[in-house]
PDB file of N, CA and C in Angstrom:
ATOM      1  N   MET A   1     100.101 122.004  75.223  1.00  0.00           N
ATOM      2  CA  MET A   1      99.969 122.730  73.982  1.00  0.00           C
ATOM      3  C   MET A   1      98.572 123.324  73.907  1.00  0.00           C
ATOM      4  N   GLU A   2      98.500 124.571  73.613  1.00  0.00           N
ATOM      5  CA  GLU A   2      97.225 125.278  73.539  1.00  0.00           C
ATOM      6  C   GLU A   2      96.776 125.391  72.088  1.00  0.00           C
ATOM      7  N   ALA A   3      95.476 125.297  71.883  1.00  0.00           N
ATOM      8  CA  ALA A   3      94.923 125.411  70.533  1.00  0.00           C
ATOM      9  C   ALA A   3      95.184 126.812  69.975  1.00  0.00           C
ATOM     10  N   LYS A   4      95.339 126.889  68.669  1.00  0.00           N
ATOM     11  CA  LYS A   4      95.573 128.191  68.023  1.00  0.00           C
ATOM     12  C   LYS A   4      94.368 129.106  68.178  1.00  0.00           C
ATOM     13  N   ASN A   5      93.187 128.544  68.022  1.00  0.00           N
ATOM     14  CA  ASN A   5      91.954 129.327  68.114  1.00  0.00           C
ATOM     15  C   ASN A   5      91.303 129.113  69.470  1.00  0.00           C
ATOM     16  N   VAL A   6      91.251 130.170  70.264  1.00  0.00           N
ATOM     17  CA  VAL A   6      90.594 130.123  71.560  1.00  0.00           C
ATOM     18  C   VAL A   6      89.238 130.794  71.383  1.00  0.00           C
ATOM     19  N   ILE A   7      88.168 130.086  71.714  1.00  0.00           N
ATOM     20  CA  ILE A   7      86.812 130.590  71.511  1.00  0.00           C
ATOM     21  C   ILE A   7      86.325 131.231  72.806  1.00  0.00           C
ATOM     22  N   ALA A   8      86.042 132.500  72.748  1.00  0.00           N
ATOM     23  CA  ALA A   8      85.654 133.281  73.925  1.00  0.00           C
ATOM     24  C   ALA A   8      84.414 132.718  74.619  1.00  0.00           C
ATOM     25  N   ASP A   9      83.509 132.121  73.863  1.00  0.00           N
ATOM     26  CA  ASP A   9      82.282 131.574  74.457  1.00  0.00           C
ATOM     27  C   ASP A   9      82.567 130.486  75.488  1.00  0.00           C
ATOM     28  N   TYR A  10      83.742 129.887  75.416  1.00  0.00           N
ATOM     29  CA  TYR A  10      84.098 128.811  76.333  1.00  0.00           C
ATOM     30  C   TYR A  10      84.984 129.282  77.489  1.00  0.00           C
ATOM     31  N   ALA A  11      85.125 130.568  77.661  1.00  0.00           N
ATOM     32  CA  ALA A  11      86.008 131.106  78.701  1.00  0.00           C
ATOM     33  C   ALA A  11      85.641 130.627  80.102  1.00  0.00           C
ATOM     34  N   GLU A  12      84.354 130.479  80.375  1.00  0.00           N
ATOM     35  CA  GLU A  12      83.915 130.081  81.713  1.00  0.00           C
ATOM     36  C   GLU A  12      83.957 128.573  81.939  1.00  0.00           C
ATOM     37  N   THR A  13      84.156 127.790  80.893  1.00  0.00           N
ATOM     38  CA  THR A  13      84.193 126.331  81.048  1.00  0.00           C
ATOM     39  C   THR A  13      85.577 125.811  80.682  1.00  0.00           C
ATOM     40  N   ALA A  14      85.778 125.507  79.423  1.00  0.00           N
ATOM     41  CA  ALA A  14      87.076 124.983  78.977  1.00  0.00           C
ATOM     42  C   ALA A  14      88.192 125.989  79.219  1.00  0.00           C
ATOM     43  N   GLY A  15      87.878 127.253  79.138  1.00  0.00           N
ATOM     44  CA  GLY A  15      88.886 128.284  79.373  1.00  0.00           C
ATOM     45  C   GLY A  15      89.445 128.219  80.783  1.00  0.00           C
ATOM     46  N   LYS A  16      88.559 127.991  81.756  1.00  0.00           N
ATOM     47  CA  LYS A  16      89.022 127.875  83.149  1.00  0.00           C
ATOM     48  C   LYS A  16      89.898 126.637  83.325  1.00  0.00           C
ATOM     49  N   VAL A  17      89.544 125.557  82.650  1.00  0.00           N
ATOM     50  CA  VAL A  17      90.365 124.347  82.718  1.00  0.00           C
ATOM     51  C   VAL A  17      91.739 124.627  82.112  1.00  0.00           C
ATOM     52  N   ARG A  18      91.767 125.325  80.994  1.00  0.00           N
ATOM     53  CA  ARG A  18      93.031 125.662  80.326  1.00  0.00           C
ATOM     54  C   ARG A  18      93.922 126.500  81.240  1.00  0.00           C
ATOM     55  N   VAL A  19      93.354 127.496  81.881  1.00  0.00           N
ATOM     56  CA  VAL A  19      94.123 128.366  82.777  1.00  0.00           C
ATOM     57  C   VAL A  19      94.667 127.560  83.955  1.00  0.00           C
ATOM     58  N   SER A  20      93.812 126.708  84.523  1.00  0.00           N
ATOM     59  CA  SER A  20      94.241 125.880  85.654  1.00  0.00           C
ATOM     60  C   SER A  20      95.362 124.922  85.251  1.00  0.00           C
ATOM     61  N   ALA A  21      95.210 124.279  84.100  1.00  0.00           N
ATOM     62  CA  ALA A  21      96.235 123.344  83.628  1.00  0.00           C
ATOM     63  C   ALA A  21      97.552 124.068  83.372  1.00  0.00           C
ATOM     64  N   ASN A  22      97.487 125.246  82.787  1.00  0.00           N
ATOM     65  CA  ASN A  22      98.708 126.012  82.530  1.00  0.00           C
ATOM     66  C   ASN A  22      99.398 126.408  83.830  1.00  0.00           C
ATOM     67  N   ALA A  23      98.623 126.743  84.850  1.00  0.00           N
ATOM     68  CA  ALA A  23      99.203 127.141  86.134  1.00  0.00           C
ATOM     69  C   ALA A  23      99.875 125.953  86.828  1.00  0.00           C
ATOM     70  N   TYR A  24      99.330 124.755  86.628  1.00  0.00           N
ATOM     71  CA  TYR A  24      99.836 123.556  87.287  1.00  0.00           C
ATOM     72  C   TYR A  24     100.977 122.900  86.518  1.00  0.00           C
ATOM     73  N   ASN A  25     101.054 123.169  85.224  1.00  0.00           N
ATOM     74  CA  ASN A  25     102.037 122.522  84.367  1.00  0.00           C
ATOM     75  C   ASN A  25     103.463 122.765  84.860  1.00  0.00           C
ATOM     76  N   HIS A  26     104.230 121.718  84.917  1.00  0.00           N
ATOM     77  CA  HIS A  26     105.625 121.724  85.389  1.00  0.00           C
ATOM     78  C   HIS A  26     105.751 121.989  86.883  1.00  0.00           C
ATOM     79  N   ARG A  27     104.642 121.891  87.602  1.00  0.00           N
ATOM     80  CA  ARG A  27     104.666 122.037  89.056  1.00  0.00           C
ATOM     81  C   ARG A  27     104.164 120.765  89.741  1.00  0.00           C
ATOM     82  N   GLN A  28     103.928 119.719  88.959  1.00  0.00           N
ATOM     83  CA  GLN A  28     103.459 118.456  89.502  1.00  0.00           C
ATOM     84  C   GLN A  28     104.541 117.861  90.400  1.00  0.00           C
ATOM     85  N   PRO A  29     104.113 117.172  91.467  1.00  0.00           N
ATOM     86  CA  PRO A  29     105.104 116.583  92.365  1.00  0.00           C
ATOM     87  C   PRO A  29     105.755 115.323  91.802  1.00  0.00           C
ATOM     88  N   GLY A  30     105.184 114.764  90.752  1.00  0.00           N
ATOM     89  CA  GLY A  30     105.669 113.492  90.225  1.00  0.00           C
ATOM     90  C   GLY A  30     106.949 113.594  89.427  1.00  0.00           C
ATOM     91  N   ASP A  31     107.771 112.567  89.563  1.00  0.00           N
ATOM     92  CA  ASP A  31     109.026 112.435  88.830  1.00  0.00           C
ATOM     93  C   ASP A  31     108.794 111.404  87.719  1.00  0.00           C
ATOM     94  N   PRO A  32     108.878 111.787  86.452  1.00  0.00           N
ATOM     95  CA  PRO A  32     108.602 110.847  85.349  1.00  0.00           C
ATOM     96  C   PRO A  32     109.462 109.588  85.393  1.00  0.00           C
ATOM     97  N   LYS A  33     110.699 109.692  85.843  1.00  0.00           N
ATOM     98  CA  LYS A  33     111.551 108.506  85.934  1.00  0.00           C
ATOM     99  C   LYS A  33     111.039 107.534  86.996  1.00  0.00           C
ATOM    100  N   ARG A  34     110.560 108.083  88.097  1.00  0.00           N
ATOM    101  CA  ARG A  34     110.005 107.227  89.146  1.00  0.00           C
ATOM    102  C   ARG A  34     108.666 106.633  88.704  1.00  0.00           C
ATOM    103  N   LEU A  35     107.908 107.382  87.928  1.00  0.00           N
ATOM    104  CA  LEU A  35     106.663 106.856  87.365  1.00  0.00           C
ATOM    105  C   LEU A  35     106.972 105.652  86.475  1.00  0.00           C
ATOM    106  N   ALA A  36     107.967 105.789  85.613  1.00  0.00           N
ATOM    107  CA  ALA A  36     108.346 104.688  84.727  1.00  0.00           C
ATOM    108  C   ALA A  36     108.731 103.454  85.540  1.00  0.00           C
ATOM    109  N   GLN A  37     109.481 103.646  86.592  1.00  0.00           N
ATOM    110  CA  GLN A  37     109.876 102.522  87.440  1.00  0.00           C
ATOM    111  C   GLN A  37     108.658 101.889  88.106  1.00  0.00           C
ATOM    112  N   ALA A  38     107.731 102.717  88.560  1.00  0.00           N
ATOM    113  CA  ALA A  38     106.505 102.196  89.176  1.00  0.00           C
ATOM    114  C   ALA A  38     105.694 101.392  88.167  1.00  0.00           C
ATOM    115  N   LEU A  39     105.635 101.847  86.926  1.00  0.00           N
ATOM    116  CA  LEU A  39     104.899 101.118  85.893  1.00  0.00           C
ATOM    117  C   LEU A  39     105.541  99.774  85.597  1.00  0.00           C
ATOM    118  N   LEU A  40     106.861  99.720  85.605  1.00  0.00           N
ATOM    119  CA  LEU A  40     107.551  98.440  85.418  1.00  0.00           C
ATOM    120  C   LEU A  40     107.226  97.481  86.560  1.00  0.00           C
ATOM    121  N   THR A  41     107.177  98.004  87.759  1.00  0.00           N
ATOM    122  CA  THR A  41     106.800  97.189  88.908  1.00  0.00           C
ATOM    123  C   THR A  41     105.363  96.689  88.744  1.00  0.00           C
ATOM    124  N   LEU A  42     104.503  97.558  88.293  1.00  0.00           N
ATOM    125  CA  LEU A  42     103.096  97.218  88.115  1.00  0.00           C
ATOM    126  C   LEU A  42     102.892  96.120  87.072  1.00  0.00           C
ATOM    127  N   VAL A  43     103.537  96.253  85.921  1.00  0.00           N
ATOM    128  CA  VAL A  43     103.313  95.273  84.859  1.00  0.00           C
ATOM    129  C   VAL A  43     103.893  93.904  85.192  1.00  0.00           C
ATOM    130  N   SER A  44     104.835  93.860  86.100  1.00  0.00           N
ATOM    131  CA  SER A  44     105.396  92.562  86.472  1.00  0.00           C
ATOM    132  C   SER A  44     104.736  91.996  87.739  1.00  0.00           C
ATOM    133  N   ALA A  45     103.744  92.692  88.262  1.00  0.00           N
ATOM    134  CA  ALA A  45     103.070  92.236  89.476  1.00  0.00           C
ATOM    135  C   ALA A  45     102.220  91.006  89.190  1.00  0.00           C
ATOM    136  N   THR A  46     102.257  90.050  90.091  1.00  0.00           N
ATOM    137  CA  THR A  46     101.460  88.840  89.959  1.00  0.00           C
ATOM    138  C   THR A  46      99.970  89.155  90.069  1.00  0.00           C
ATOM    139  N   ASN A  47      99.630  90.054  90.962  1.00  0.00           N
ATOM    140  CA  ASN A  47      98.241  90.412  91.204  1.00  0.00           C
ATOM    141  C   ASN A  47      98.100  91.938  91.195  1.00  0.00           C
ATOM    142  N   PRO A  48      98.121  92.556  90.012  1.00  0.00           N
ATOM    143  CA  PRO A  48      98.078  94.021  89.965  1.00  0.00           C
ATOM    144  C   PRO A  48      96.725  94.564  90.409  1.00  0.00           C
ATOM    145  N   PRO A  49      96.701  95.776  90.912  1.00  0.00           N
ATOM    146  CA  PRO A  49      95.443  96.370  91.362  1.00  0.00           C
ATOM    147  C   PRO A  49      94.544  96.731  90.180  1.00  0.00           C
ATOM    148  N   SER A  50      93.256  96.802  90.445  1.00  0.00           N
ATOM    149  CA  SER A  50      92.311  97.265  89.418  1.00  0.00           C
ATOM    150  C   SER A  50      92.522  98.752  89.143  1.00  0.00           C
ATOM    151  N   ARG A  51      92.871  99.456  90.202  1.00  0.00           N
ATOM    152  CA  ARG A  51      93.129 100.895  90.101  1.00  0.00           C
ATOM    153  C   ARG A  51      94.381 101.191  90.919  1.00  0.00           C
ATOM    154  N   LEU A  52      95.180 102.107  90.416  1.00  0.00           N
ATOM    155  CA  LEU A  52      96.380 102.491  91.152  1.00  0.00           C
ATOM    156  C   LEU A  52      96.599 103.983  90.972  1.00  0.00           C
ATOM    157  N   GLN A  53      96.552 104.697  92.062  1.00  0.00           N
ATOM    158  CA  GLN A  53      96.818 106.127  92.023  1.00  0.00           C
ATOM    159  C   GLN A  53      98.315 106.326  92.204  1.00  0.00           C
ATOM    160  N   LEU A  54      98.906 107.057  91.297  1.00  0.00           N
ATOM    161  CA  LEU A  54     100.342 107.302  91.368  1.00  0.00           C
ATOM    162  C   LEU A  54     100.581 108.776  91.660  1.00  0.00           C
ATOM    163  N   GLY A  55     101.280 109.037  92.724  1.00  0.00           N
ATOM    164  CA  GLY A  55     101.609 110.399  93.117  1.00  0.00           C
ATOM    165  C   GLY A  55     100.815 110.833  94.334  1.00  0.00           C
ATOM    166  N   THR A  56     101.430 111.674  95.122  1.00  0.00           N
ATOM    167  CA  THR A  56     100.781 112.166  96.333  1.00  0.00           C
ATOM    168  C   THR A  56      99.564 113.018  96.010  1.00  0.00           C
ATOM    169  N   ASP A  57      99.591 113.713  94.875  1.00  0.00           N
ATOM    170  CA  ASP A  57      98.433 114.521  94.492  1.00  0.00           C
ATOM    171  C   ASP A  57      97.241 113.632  94.168  1.00  0.00           C
ATOM    172  N   ALA A  58      97.465 112.529  93.486  1.00  0.00           N
ATOM    173  CA  ALA A  58      96.379 111.596  93.163  1.00  0.00           C
ATOM    174  C   ALA A  58      95.851 110.929  94.436  1.00  0.00           C
ATOM    175  N   LEU A  59      96.743 110.533  95.316  1.00  0.00           N
ATOM    176  CA  LEU A  59      96.313 109.927  96.575  1.00  0.00           C
ATOM    177  C   LEU A  59      95.427 110.881  97.374  1.00  0.00           C
ATOM    178  N   ALA A  60      95.817 112.141  97.438  1.00  0.00           N
ATOM    179  CA  ALA A  60      95.036 113.134  98.184  1.00  0.00           C
ATOM    180  C   ALA A  60      93.645 113.300  97.585  1.00  0.00           C
ATOM    181  N   ARG A  61      93.560 113.379  96.265  1.00  0.00           N
ATOM    182  CA  ARG A  61      92.251 113.537  95.611  1.00  0.00           C
ATOM    183  C   ARG A  61      91.343 112.336  95.876  1.00  0.00           C
ATOM    184  N   ILE A  62      91.897 111.143  95.798  1.00  0.00           N
ATOM    185  CA  ILE A  62      91.098 109.941  96.032  1.00  0.00           C
ATOM    186  C   ILE A  62      90.643 109.883  97.485  1.00  0.00           C
ATOM    187  N   ARG A  63      91.502 110.233  98.411  1.00  0.00           N
ATOM    188  CA  ARG A  63      91.099 110.242  99.822  1.00  0.00           C
ATOM    189  C   ARG A  63      89.981 111.246 100.068  1.00  0.00           C
ATOM    190  N   GLU A  64      90.070 112.410  99.441  1.00  0.00           N
ATOM    191  CA  GLU A  64      88.999 113.414  99.559  1.00  0.00           C
ATOM    192  C   GLU A  64      87.690 112.856  99.006  1.00  0.00           C
ATOM    193  N   LYS A  65      87.753 112.229  97.865  1.00  0.00           N
ATOM    194  CA  LYS A  65      86.561 111.647  97.239  1.00  0.00           C
ATOM    195  C   LYS A  65      85.962 110.565  98.116  1.00  0.00           C
ATOM    196  N   HIS A  66      86.804 109.673  98.641  1.00  0.00           N
ATOM    197  CA  HIS A  66      86.308 108.600  99.496  1.00  0.00           C
ATOM    198  C   HIS A  66      85.657 109.153 100.760  1.00  0.00           C
ATOM    199  N   ALA A  67      86.234 110.179 101.339  1.00  0.00           N
ATOM    200  CA  ALA A  67      85.652 110.797 102.538  1.00  0.00           C
ATOM    201  C   ALA A  67      84.283 111.389 102.212  1.00  0.00           C
ATOM    202  N   PHE A  68      84.170 112.038 101.066  1.00  0.00           N
ATOM    203  CA  PHE A  68      82.887 112.607 100.651  1.00  0.00           C
ATOM    204  C   PHE A  68      81.856 111.508 100.439  1.00  0.00           C
ATOM    205  N   VAL A  69      82.241 110.443  99.749  1.00  0.00           N
ATOM    206  CA  VAL A  69      81.314 109.336  99.476  1.00  0.00           C
ATOM    207  C   VAL A  69      80.877 108.686 100.788  1.00  0.00           C
ATOM    208  N   GLU A  70      81.791 108.470 101.709  1.00  0.00           N
ATOM    209  CA  GLU A  70      81.457 107.860 102.996  1.00  0.00           C
ATOM    210  C   GLU A  70      80.468 108.737 103.768  1.00  0.00           C
ATOM    211  N   GLN A  71      80.712 110.037 103.779  1.00  0.00           N
ATOM    212  CA  GLN A  71      79.804 110.953 104.485  1.00  0.00           C
ATOM    213  C   GLN A  71      78.421 110.930 103.847  1.00  0.00           C
ATOM    214  N   GLU A  72      78.369 110.914 102.534  1.00  0.00           N
ATOM    215  CA  GLU A  72      77.092 110.883 101.829  1.00  0.00           C
ATOM    216  C   GLU A  72      76.360 109.557 102.071  1.00  0.00           C
ATOM    217  N   LEU A  73      77.100 108.440 102.099  1.00  0.00           N
ATOM    218  CA  LEU A  73      76.492 107.147 102.420  1.00  0.00           C
ATOM    219  C   LEU A  73      75.830 107.176 103.791  1.00  0.00           C
ATOM    220  N   GLN A  74      76.528 107.718 104.760  1.00  0.00           N
ATOM    221  CA  GLN A  74      75.982 107.784 106.113  1.00  0.00           C
ATOM    222  C   GLN A  74      74.737 108.662 106.163  1.00  0.00           C
ATOM    223  N   THR A  75      74.780 109.784 105.479  1.00  0.00           N
ATOM    224  CA  THR A  75      73.652 110.715 105.482  1.00  0.00           C
ATOM    225  C   THR A  75      72.394 110.074 104.905  1.00  0.00           C
ATOM    226  N   TRP A  76      72.530 109.286 103.865  1.00  0.00           N
ATOM    227  CA  TRP A  76      71.384 108.732 103.142  1.00  0.00           C
ATOM    228  C   TRP A  76      71.166 107.243 103.382  1.00  0.00           C
ATOM    229  N   GLU A  77      71.884 106.669 104.351  1.00  0.00           N
ATOM    230  CA  GLU A  77      71.795 105.232 104.572  1.00  0.00           C
ATOM    231  C   GLU A  77      70.377 104.770 104.905  1.00  0.00           C
ATOM    232  N   ALA A  78      69.681 105.484 105.764  1.00  0.00           N
ATOM    233  CA  ALA A  78      68.332 105.062 106.143  1.00  0.00           C
ATOM    234  C   ALA A  78      67.416 105.016 104.925  1.00  0.00           C
ATOM    235  N   LEU A  79      67.485 105.994 104.075  1.00  0.00           N
ATOM    236  CA  LEU A  79      66.655 105.989 102.873  1.00  0.00           C
ATOM    237  C   LEU A  79      67.061 104.851 101.937  1.00  0.00           C
ATOM    238  N   SER A  80      68.347 104.624 101.801  1.00  0.00           N
ATOM    239  CA  SER A  80      68.820 103.520 100.963  1.00  0.00           C
ATOM    240  C   SER A  80      68.297 102.186 101.469  1.00  0.00           C
ATOM    241  N   ARG A  81      68.367 101.973 102.779  1.00  0.00           N
ATOM    242  CA  ARG A  81      67.909 100.715 103.360  1.00  0.00           C
ATOM    243  C   ARG A  81      66.390 100.560 103.276  1.00  0.00           C
ATOM    244  N   SER A  82      65.693 101.659 103.223  1.00  0.00           N
ATOM    245  CA  SER A  82      64.219 101.603 103.235  1.00  0.00           C
ATOM    246  C   SER A  82      63.621 100.994 101.973  1.00  0.00           C
ATOM    247  N   THR A  83      64.413 100.763 100.959  1.00  0.00           N
ATOM    248  CA  THR A  83      63.871 100.245  99.693  1.00  0.00           C
ATOM    249  C   THR A  83      63.859  98.722  99.624  1.00  0.00           C
ATOM    250  N   ASP A  84      64.425  98.032 100.619  1.00  0.00           N
ATOM    251  CA  ASP A  84      64.421  96.564 100.636  1.00  0.00           C
ATOM    252  C   ASP A  84      63.039  96.026 101.018  1.00  0.00           C
ATOM    253  N   PHE A  85      62.777  94.796 100.601  1.00  0.00           N
ATOM    254  CA  PHE A  85      61.571  94.109 101.069  1.00  0.00           C
ATOM    255  C   PHE A  85      61.654  93.977 102.604  1.00  0.00           C
ATOM    256  N   PRO A  86      60.543  94.039 103.289  1.00  0.00           N
ATOM    257  CA  PRO A  86      60.569  93.833 104.755  1.00  0.00           C
ATOM    258  C   PRO A  86      61.069  92.430 105.066  1.00  0.00           C
ATOM    259  N   VAL A  87      61.770  92.312 106.173  1.00  0.00           N
ATOM    260  CA  VAL A  87      62.301  91.005 106.587  1.00  0.00           C
ATOM    261  C   VAL A  87      61.284  90.295 107.464  1.00  0.00           C
TER     262      VAL A  87
END
C-alpha cells in the first residue's frame, strides 16, 4: 500500500525503495502456505535457531553478506590482531 501523499524531496531515498518494492511485489519466490508450514515446524523445534532465513532469496542475500564479511576480515586481519597485548 502506497501513501496518499508522496513527497518529491524523498524521491532519491524512500522513493527509490518504493519503486523497488513495487517492482518486486508479487514476484517473490516464496509460497505463503509453505512459509506457514515452516513456521509451525520452527515453533515446535526443540532447539530452534537464533536466526532463520526463509526463502532462496533470503539465503542468497545472507551468503553474499557472509562472503563480503569474510573478505573484509581477511583484508583487515593483521590490523585487528595488532591491537592485542604482546605475548
